[in-house]
């Protein structure tokens, strides 16, 4: 199985962890590296929207 985003092979593919269901018609297989990158990106966006001390510290924003 290959990652939809980076096209690398997904080692130890597990549908519960790697299959991202967007809606009834759209799904994506995402590797663990891309999941981590997405979560980091999402966390940075949340730290801007909800500027708590913990989020700022985690993503080193002032």
PDB file of N, CA and C in Angstrom:
ATOM      1  N   UNK A   1       0.850  -1.170   0.000  1.00  0.00           N
ATOM      2  CA  UNK A   1       0.000   0.000   0.000  1.00  0.00           C
ATOM      3  C   UNK A   1       0.898   1.236   0.000  1.00  0.00           C
ATOM      4  N   UNK A   2       0.510   2.252  -0.780  1.00  0.00           N
ATOM      5  CA  UNK A   2       1.285   3.491  -0.864  1.00  0.00           C
ATOM      6  C   UNK A   2       0.519   4.652  -0.255  1.00  0.00           C
ATOM      7  N   UNK A   3       1.266   5.583   0.299  1.00  0.00           N
ATOM      8  CA  UNK A   3       0.700   6.794   0.876  1.00  0.00           C
ATOM      9  C   UNK A   3       0.152   7.678  -0.245  1.00  0.00           C
ATOM     10  N   UNK A   4      -1.046   8.179  -0.054  1.00  0.00           N
ATOM     11  CA  UNK A   4      -1.675   9.050  -1.045  1.00  0.00           C
ATOM     12  C   UNK A   4      -0.929  10.373  -1.171  1.00  0.00           C
ATOM     13  N   UNK A   5      -0.329  10.848  -0.096  1.00  0.00           N
ATOM     14  CA  UNK A   5       0.330  12.154  -0.102  1.00  0.00           C
ATOM     15  C   UNK A   5       1.763  12.115  -0.614  1.00  0.00           C
ATOM     16  N   UNK A   6       2.572  11.216  -0.064  1.00  0.00           N
ATOM     17  CA  UNK A   6       3.992  11.216  -0.428  1.00  0.00           C
ATOM     18  C   UNK A   6       4.384  10.046  -1.330  1.00  0.00           C
ATOM     19  N   UNK A   7       3.473   9.128  -1.547  1.00  0.00           N
ATOM     20  CA  UNK A   7       3.657   7.963  -2.421  1.00  0.00           C
ATOM     21  C   UNK A   7       4.717   6.975  -1.926  1.00  0.00           C
ATOM     22  N   UNK A   8       5.115   7.069  -0.653  1.00  0.00           N
ATOM     23  CA  UNK A   8       6.016   6.078  -0.070  1.00  0.00           C
ATOM     24  C   UNK A   8       5.193   4.858   0.326  1.00  0.00           C
ATOM     25  N   UNK A   9       5.859   3.723   0.406  1.00  0.00           N
ATOM     26  CA  UNK A   9       5.203   2.502   0.842  1.00  0.00           C
ATOM     27  C   UNK A   9       4.860   2.606   2.330  1.00  0.00           C
ATOM     28  N   UNK A  10       3.672   2.159   2.705  1.00  0.00           N
ATOM     29  CA  UNK A  10       3.247   2.183   4.103  1.00  0.00           C
ATOM     30  C   UNK A  10       3.593   0.841   4.728  1.00  0.00           C
ATOM     31  N   UNK A  11       4.575   0.852   5.643  1.00  0.00           N
ATOM     32  CA  UNK A  11       4.968  -0.358   6.349  1.00  0.00           C
ATOM     33  C   UNK A  11       3.923  -0.683   7.414  1.00  0.00           C
ATOM     34  N   UNK A  12       3.665  -1.955   7.616  1.00  0.00           N
ATOM     35  CA  UNK A  12       2.705  -2.413   8.630  1.00  0.00           C
ATOM     36  C   UNK A  12       1.359  -1.708   8.492  1.00  0.00           C
ATOM     37  N   UNK A  13       0.805  -1.701   7.289  1.00  0.00           N
ATOM     38  CA  UNK A  13      -0.466  -1.030   7.014  1.00  0.00           C
ATOM     39  C   UNK A  13      -1.569  -1.568   7.919  1.00  0.00           C
ATOM     40  N   UNK A  14      -2.279  -0.643   8.551  1.00  0.00           N
ATOM     41  CA  UNK A  14      -3.414  -0.972   9.400  1.00  0.00           C
ATOM     42  C   UNK A  14      -4.544  -0.023   9.008  1.00  0.00           C
ATOM     43  N   UNK A  15      -5.661  -0.546   8.479  1.00  0.00           N
ATOM     44  CA  UNK A  15      -6.745   0.338   8.037  1.00  0.00           C
ATOM     45  C   UNK A  15      -7.242   1.288   9.122  1.00  0.00           C
ATOM     46  N   UNK A  16      -7.236   0.846  10.370  1.00  0.00           N
ATOM     47  CA  UNK A  16      -7.689   1.702  11.459  1.00  0.00           C
ATOM     48  C   UNK A  16      -6.783   2.889  11.718  1.00  0.00           C
ATOM     49  N   UNK A  17      -5.514   2.768  11.360  1.00  0.00           N
ATOM     50  CA  UNK A  17      -4.553   3.846  11.597  1.00  0.00           C
ATOM     51  C   UNK A  17      -4.216   4.644  10.347  1.00  0.00           C
ATOM     52  N   UNK A  18      -4.221   3.999   9.204  1.00  0.00           N
ATOM     53  CA  UNK A  18      -3.712   4.635   7.993  1.00  0.00           C
ATOM     54  C   UNK A  18      -4.777   5.012   6.963  1.00  0.00           C
ATOM     55  N   UNK A  19      -6.006   4.545   7.117  1.00  0.00           N
ATOM     56  CA  UNK A  19      -7.056   4.854   6.149  1.00  0.00           C
ATOM     57  C   UNK A  19      -7.868   6.033   6.663  1.00  0.00           C
ATOM     58  N   UNK A  20      -7.751   7.166   5.992  1.00  0.00           N
ATOM     59  CA  UNK A  20      -8.446   8.391   6.360  1.00  0.00           C
ATOM     60  C   UNK A  20      -9.703   8.511   5.514  1.00  0.00           C
ATOM     61  N   UNK A  21     -10.868   8.470   6.138  1.00  0.00           N
ATOM     62  CA  UNK A  21     -12.138   8.557   5.424  1.00  0.00           C
ATOM     63  C   UNK A  21     -12.630   9.997   5.525  1.00  0.00           C
ATOM     64  N   UNK A  22     -12.704  10.645   4.375  1.00  0.00           N
ATOM     65  CA  UNK A  22     -13.130  12.042   4.323  1.00  0.00           C
ATOM     66  C   UNK A  22     -14.653  12.115   4.273  1.00  0.00           C
ATOM     67  N   UNK A  23     -15.241  11.381   3.359  1.00  0.00           N
ATOM     68  CA  UNK A  23     -16.696  11.246   3.262  1.00  0.00           C
ATOM     69  C   UNK A  23     -16.996   9.940   2.532  1.00  0.00           C
ATOM     70  N   UNK A  24     -18.234   9.747   2.115  1.00  0.00           N
ATOM     71  CA  UNK A  24     -18.624   8.488   1.482  1.00  0.00           C
ATOM     72  C   UNK A  24     -17.850   8.196   0.195  1.00  0.00           C
ATOM     73  N   UNK A  25     -17.415   9.217  -0.498  1.00  0.00           N
ATOM     74  CA  UNK A  25     -16.763   9.052  -1.799  1.00  0.00           C
ATOM     75  C   UNK A  25     -15.248   9.233  -1.768  1.00  0.00           C
ATOM     76  N   UNK A  26     -14.720   9.774  -0.696  1.00  0.00           N
ATOM     77  CA  UNK A  26     -13.297  10.112  -0.659  1.00  0.00           C
ATOM     78  C   UNK A  26     -12.596   9.474   0.536  1.00  0.00           C
ATOM     79  N   UNK A  27     -11.525   8.742   0.241  1.00  0.00           N
ATOM     80  CA  UNK A  27     -10.669   8.173   1.278  1.00  0.00           C
ATOM     81  C   UNK A  27      -9.214   8.357   0.853  1.00  0.00           C
ATOM     82  N   UNK A  28      -8.325   8.248   1.813  1.00  0.00           N
ATOM     83  CA  UNK A  28      -6.902   8.355   1.516  1.00  0.00           C
ATOM     84  C   UNK A  28      -6.142   7.428   2.458  1.00  0.00           C
ATOM     85  N   UNK A  29      -5.109   6.799   1.937  1.00  0.00           N
ATOM     86  CA  UNK A  29      -4.206   6.000   2.749  1.00  0.00           C
ATOM     87  C   UNK A  29      -3.002   6.877   3.056  1.00  0.00           C
ATOM     88  N   UNK A  30      -2.754   7.121   4.334  1.00  0.00           N
ATOM     89  CA  UNK A  30      -1.719   8.062   4.736  1.00  0.00           C
ATOM     90  C   UNK A  30      -0.717   7.359   5.641  1.00  0.00           C
ATOM     91  N   UNK A  31       0.574   7.516   5.347  1.00  0.00           N
ATOM     92  CA  UNK A  31       1.631   6.897   6.153  1.00  0.00           C
ATOM     93  C   UNK A  31       1.779   7.630   7.485  1.00  0.00           C
ATOM     94  N   UNK A  32       2.445   7.000   8.413  1.00  0.00           N
ATOM     95  CA  UNK A  32       2.620   7.571   9.752  1.00  0.00           C
ATOM     96  C   UNK A  32       3.384   8.892   9.720  1.00  0.00           C
ATOM     97  N   UNK A  33       4.365   9.014   8.823  1.00  0.00           N
ATOM     98  CA  UNK A  33       5.128  10.268   8.702  1.00  0.00           C
ATOM     99  C   UNK A  33       4.213  11.418   8.306  1.00  0.00           C
ATOM    100  N   UNK A  34       3.358  11.187   7.322  1.00  0.00           N
ATOM    101  CA  UNK A  34       2.446  12.240   6.860  1.00  0.00           C
ATOM    102  C   UNK A  34       1.395  12.558   7.920  1.00  0.00           C
ATOM    103  N   UNK A  35       0.952  11.555   8.672  1.00  0.00           N
ATOM    104  CA  UNK A  35       0.018  11.799   9.773  1.00  0.00           C
ATOM    105  C   UNK A  35       0.678  12.720  10.795  1.00  0.00           C
ATOM    106  N   UNK A  36       1.935  12.438  11.149  1.00  0.00           N
ATOM    107  CA  UNK A  36       2.658  13.282  12.109  1.00  0.00           C
ATOM    108  C   UNK A  36       2.808  14.708  11.594  1.00  0.00           C
ATOM    109  N   UNK A  37       3.126  14.860  10.316  1.00  0.00           N
ATOM    110  CA  UNK A  37       3.271  16.190   9.720  1.00  0.00           C
ATOM    111  C   UNK A  37       1.941  16.931   9.746  1.00  0.00           C
ATOM    112  N   UNK A  38       0.856  16.220   9.437  1.00  0.00           N
ATOM    113  CA  UNK A  38      -0.473  16.828   9.441  1.00  0.00           C
ATOM    114  C   UNK A  38      -0.861  17.274  10.849  1.00  0.00           C
ATOM    115  N   UNK A  39      -0.600  16.430  11.845  1.00  0.00           N
ATOM    116  CA  UNK A  39      -0.931  16.784  13.223  1.00  0.00           C
ATOM    117  C   UNK A  39      -0.133  17.991  13.704  1.00  0.00           C
ATOM    118  N   UNK A  40       1.125  18.077  13.297  1.00  0.00           N
ATOM    119  CA  UNK A  40       1.949  19.233  13.671  1.00  0.00           C
ATOM    120  C   UNK A  40       1.403  20.498  13.015  1.00  0.00           C
ATOM    121  N   UNK A  41       1.045  20.400  11.749  1.00  0.00           N
ATOM    122  CA  UNK A  41       0.457  21.544  11.036  1.00  0.00           C
ATOM    123  C   UNK A  41      -0.840  21.974  11.711  1.00  0.00           C
ATOM    124  N   UNK A  42      -1.689  20.993  12.040  1.00  0.00           N
ATOM    125  CA  UNK A  42      -2.955  21.283  12.686  1.00  0.00           C
ATOM    126  C   UNK A  42      -2.732  21.922  14.058  1.00  0.00           C
ATOM    127  N   UNK A  43      -1.764  21.428  14.810  1.00  0.00           N
ATOM    128  CA  UNK A  43      -1.459  21.987  16.119  1.00  0.00           C
ATOM    129  C   UNK A  43      -1.024  23.440  16.043  1.00  0.00           C
ATOM    130  N   UNK A  44      -0.232  23.757  15.021  1.00  0.00           N
ATOM    131  CA  UNK A  44       0.195  25.154  14.843  1.00  0.00           C
ATOM    132  C   UNK A  44      -1.002  26.046  14.556  1.00  0.00           C
ATOM    133  N   UNK A  45      -1.938  25.571  13.759  1.00  0.00           N
ATOM    134  CA  UNK A  45      -3.142  26.351  13.455  1.00  0.00           C
ATOM    135  C   UNK A  45      -3.976  26.552  14.719  1.00  0.00           C
ATOM    136  N   UNK A  46      -4.125  25.484  15.529  1.00  0.00           N
ATOM    137  CA  UNK A  46      -4.872  25.603  16.781  1.00  0.00           C
ATOM    138  C   UNK A  46      -4.184  26.552  17.750  1.00  0.00           C
ATOM    139  N   UNK A  47      -2.856  26.567  17.770  1.00  0.00           N
ATOM    140  CA  UNK A  47      -2.155  27.461  18.694  1.00  0.00           C
ATOM    141  C   UNK A  47      -2.356  28.926  18.298  1.00  0.00           C
ATOM    142  N   UNK A  48      -2.630  29.176  17.041  1.00  0.00           N
ATOM    143  CA  UNK A  48      -2.932  30.538  16.604  1.00  0.00           C
ATOM    144  C   UNK A  48      -4.376  30.895  16.957  1.00  0.00           C
ATOM    145  N   UNK A  49      -5.298  29.958  16.715  1.00  0.00           N
ATOM    146  CA  UNK A  49      -6.713  30.201  16.995  1.00  0.00           C
ATOM    147  C   UNK A  49      -7.022  30.244  18.485  1.00  0.00           C
ATOM    148  N   UNK A  50      -6.370  29.368  19.246  1.00  0.00           N
ATOM    149  CA  UNK A  50      -6.599  29.267  20.687  1.00  0.00           C
ATOM    150  C   UNK A  50      -5.253  29.410  21.399  1.00  0.00           C
ATOM    151  N   UNK A  51      -4.797  30.638  21.580  1.00  0.00           N
ATOM    152  CA  UNK A  51      -3.435  30.878  22.079  1.00  0.00           C
ATOM    153  C   UNK A  51      -3.259  30.621  23.577  1.00  0.00           C
ATOM    154  N   UNK A  52      -3.305  29.361  23.976  1.00  0.00           N
ATOM    155  CA  UNK A  52      -3.044  29.022  25.374  1.00  0.00           C
ATOM    156  C   UNK A  52      -1.536  28.918  25.592  1.00  0.00           C
ATOM    157  N   UNK A  53      -1.107  29.018  26.825  1.00  0.00           N
ATOM    158  CA  UNK A  53       0.319  28.923  27.136  1.00  0.00           C
ATOM    159  C   UNK A  53       0.891  27.575  26.712  1.00  0.00           C
ATOM    160  N   UNK A  54       0.126  26.499  26.925  1.00  0.00           N
ATOM    161  CA  UNK A  54       0.618  25.164  26.581  1.00  0.00           C
ATOM    162  C   UNK A  54       0.839  25.021  25.076  1.00  0.00           C
ATOM    163  N   UNK A  55      -0.092  25.514  24.281  1.00  0.00           N
ATOM    164  CA  UNK A  55       0.048  25.402  22.827  1.00  0.00           C
ATOM    165  C   UNK A  55       1.187  26.288  22.332  1.00  0.00           C
ATOM    166  N   UNK A  56       1.312  27.483  22.869  1.00  0.00           N
ATOM    167  CA  UNK A  56       2.411  28.355  22.464  1.00  0.00           C
ATOM    168  C   UNK A  56       3.754  27.717  22.795  1.00  0.00           C
ATOM    169  N   UNK A  57       3.848  27.138  23.987  1.00  0.00           N
ATOM    170  CA  UNK A  57       5.098  26.500  24.398  1.00  0.00           C
ATOM    171  C   UNK A  57       5.400  25.297  23.514  1.00  0.00           C
ATOM    172  N   UNK A  58       4.390  24.506  23.212  1.00  0.00           N
ATOM    173  CA  UNK A  58       4.593  23.309  22.399  1.00  0.00           C
ATOM    174  C   UNK A  58       5.092  23.666  21.000  1.00  0.00           C
ATOM    175  N   UNK A  59       4.555  24.735  20.419  1.00  0.00           N
ATOM    176  CA  UNK A  59       4.928  25.103  19.058  1.00  0.00           C
ATOM    177  C   UNK A  59       5.816  26.336  19.024  1.00  0.00           C
ATOM    178  N   UNK A  60       6.372  26.712  20.167  1.00  0.00           N
ATOM    179  CA  UNK A  60       7.364  27.777  20.299  1.00  0.00           C
ATOM    180  C   UNK A  60       6.954  29.080  19.620  1.00  0.00           C
ATOM    181  N   UNK A  61       5.747  29.513  19.934  1.00  0.00           N
ATOM    182  CA  UNK A  61       5.268  30.782  19.400  1.00  0.00           C
ATOM    183  C   UNK A  61       5.198  31.779  20.532  1.00  0.00           C
ATOM    184  N   UNK A  62       5.351  33.040  20.205  1.00  0.00           N
ATOM    185  CA  UNK A  62       5.293  34.092  21.222  1.00  0.00           C
ATOM    186  C   UNK A  62       4.056  34.916  21.067  1.00  0.00           C
TER     187      UNK A  62
END
